[in-house]
């Protein structure tokens, strides 16, 4: 991916110097033990609906904001941060244009770099959760050490695999702007857990499709992808499919517990957005089968 030399976003906050604080989530009448945390992380720790929300629900309370220090820009010589800033800038350009074509206005998110733990409007974010989007403050949170996990533990190396991570989380921001996040959350409260999981799958697959949509327009505008880049994103999508993660972690697959979609589904919806390049192509909620 030939990313150097392109515009960097001004919407990146660097909290890594603060190291984060390990405060707890509000947990109502119950404590959150390691078993509950494992359930939450398995359910949503990679590219998913905010695991902080899952922890809050399982703990019987509502996540609240934790104060953080003043926002700082990343160091000018930090290449990892420059890469993230460049990818974020391109998502801003692409989604602004897509929204304008639809007669709407895109509201850009902020992206927070942190280390260890950090406060969010959704509760306490921690590195073990992987990247996530908090709709309450419209920020994407990433501990860059996740990319080493993506490469060495999940078998998904490459700079465009990393770009896919950002594009997927920004896809959740697009859903927030479109009102889809709130609608799905409201629907989840009225259905069974299995039905709620199925709704989560459709939300996640749409974010994958939106990542593909961004790739479509980004490549047309910049032509910065190289041979093998698309394959890196597809491999990342495959490695974090529910079936693949469950098979790796517990040796068996439990389809009714899926919250993100299978490896095949995640790849398919990314490709659909990549090929179609339109929001209409990403309507996972009306698809007969995701």
Foldseek 3Di string as FASTA:
>chain_A
DQQPPADFAPQEFEQAVVQADDDDFDQPPADQDPVQVVLLLLAALALFADSLQSRQVVSVHFGAWDDGDDTDDDDPPPVVSRLLRSLLVLVVVLVQVQQVVVVHGDDRAHEYEYHAWHTDRRHIDGQSSAWAADLVRRYIYHHVVVQVCLVPVLPQHDSLLVSLSSQLRVLVSVCSVVVNVVVLVVVLVVDDPLVNLVSLQLSQLLSLLSSLLSVQVSCVVPVRDDPCSLVSNLSSLQSPASQNVCCVPPVGHDVSSHNHHHSVSSSVSSVQSNVPSHSVSSNSVPDPHD
